[in-house]
Amino acid sequence: MSAVRQRTGGGEIGRGSGPGRPVPRFVRRAGQRARREIYRPADLQYSQLPPRAMVRMAYNAMLGREPDEPAWTEQTLGLERGILVPTDIVDRIRCSVEFATVARIGASSLHSSLHASRMEFIVGLPPAKRIIDLGGGHTTDQRGALVALGYPYNFEELVIVDLPPDDRHPLYHSERYEGIHTETGKVRYEYRSMADLSFAADASVDLVYSGQSIEHVTEADGDTVLRESFRVLRPGGFMAIDTPNASVCRLQQEGFIDPDHKVEYTLAELRHKVACSGFEVRFQRGLNWGGPAVAEGRFDPAALAGNQGVYFDAEGCYLLAVIVQRPS
């Protein structure tokens, strides 16, 4: 059995019967018969495929290979008997070691990989009741970027500060959204510069989030953003920032990576900037690690896309991700 198969086929993805073996115990459990009635919308479009074809399609698309035993037989039997549905097969692959470490995201999907890493960073943010999201408008989702990217906690109010749609770069144009009550809390909009937080009282906010936004204003305006964020945060409150890492981006190209960027910071520059505003750095990480190539002064898009997630070596990552705190 290959190293890849040892990681997935008989281990994490499934254990059960191979050819000529008894039907696995989980298939025979009468208590799971009710599972046959549970079909999610995503399952219905595949319901006309034979179970074996469903299993093969999932493995081919997600791992680029044929299913192996014992998962092949176990999962086919599970589908045939209504104990599993197609999205269960997908879930098992998504949670496997192989999917995380072997079936890596390709270089052409670097942007998608960065998006996934930002979602991982966002679910690690602290719980907060009152939140300001700087530049947090979403081009298609009225809930805003923070909620759309998966912030998991309930809040009382999330204020999205963003420029009026007509004042933005065409890349970021959207409709002018009004407030909305989401499943996790109330969202409202303040259409203005992110350097202007005059609507918020001193020490009235638990969390300020700047996701891919501080690089869109000048260094001077960035200082104002940080000072204003410090002012509106309660003592002990947090500010989270993710932004391009200039050290790695300059390996990619000489100019800024986005036509709307005004500045791109190195880790040292960002740390100095937040410290000058009174913040203390509590969490310093990077998103999408560039591997040994960065240390050698090379830009390796395959490594950056494949090394999705949150990494300790912030300087070697494509994006910086820091959480700073206003001292209590």
Foldseek 3Di string as FASTA:
>chain_A
DDPLCVQAQCPQLDNADDPPDDGGPVLVDPVLLCLLVDDDPVQVVCVPPQLLVLLQVLCCVQVVDGHDPPNSVNRNSCVVSSSDTSVSSNVSLCPTPCSQAPSFDFLVCLVVLLLLQVLQLLCPDDDWAEEEEEQFAQQPDLQTNSVVSPNDAAYAEYEYEEAQQVPDDPVGHHDDHAWDADPRYTYGYDHDHLLDPVVAAFQATQEYEYEQHLQLDAPVSSLSNLLVVLGRHHAFHKYKYKHFAVLQVVLVDVDDPDPRGNDGHHPVRVCVSNVVSQWAWDDKWAAQFQPPQSVVSHGDSRSSRRRGYIGRPRRRHGMIITMIGRHD
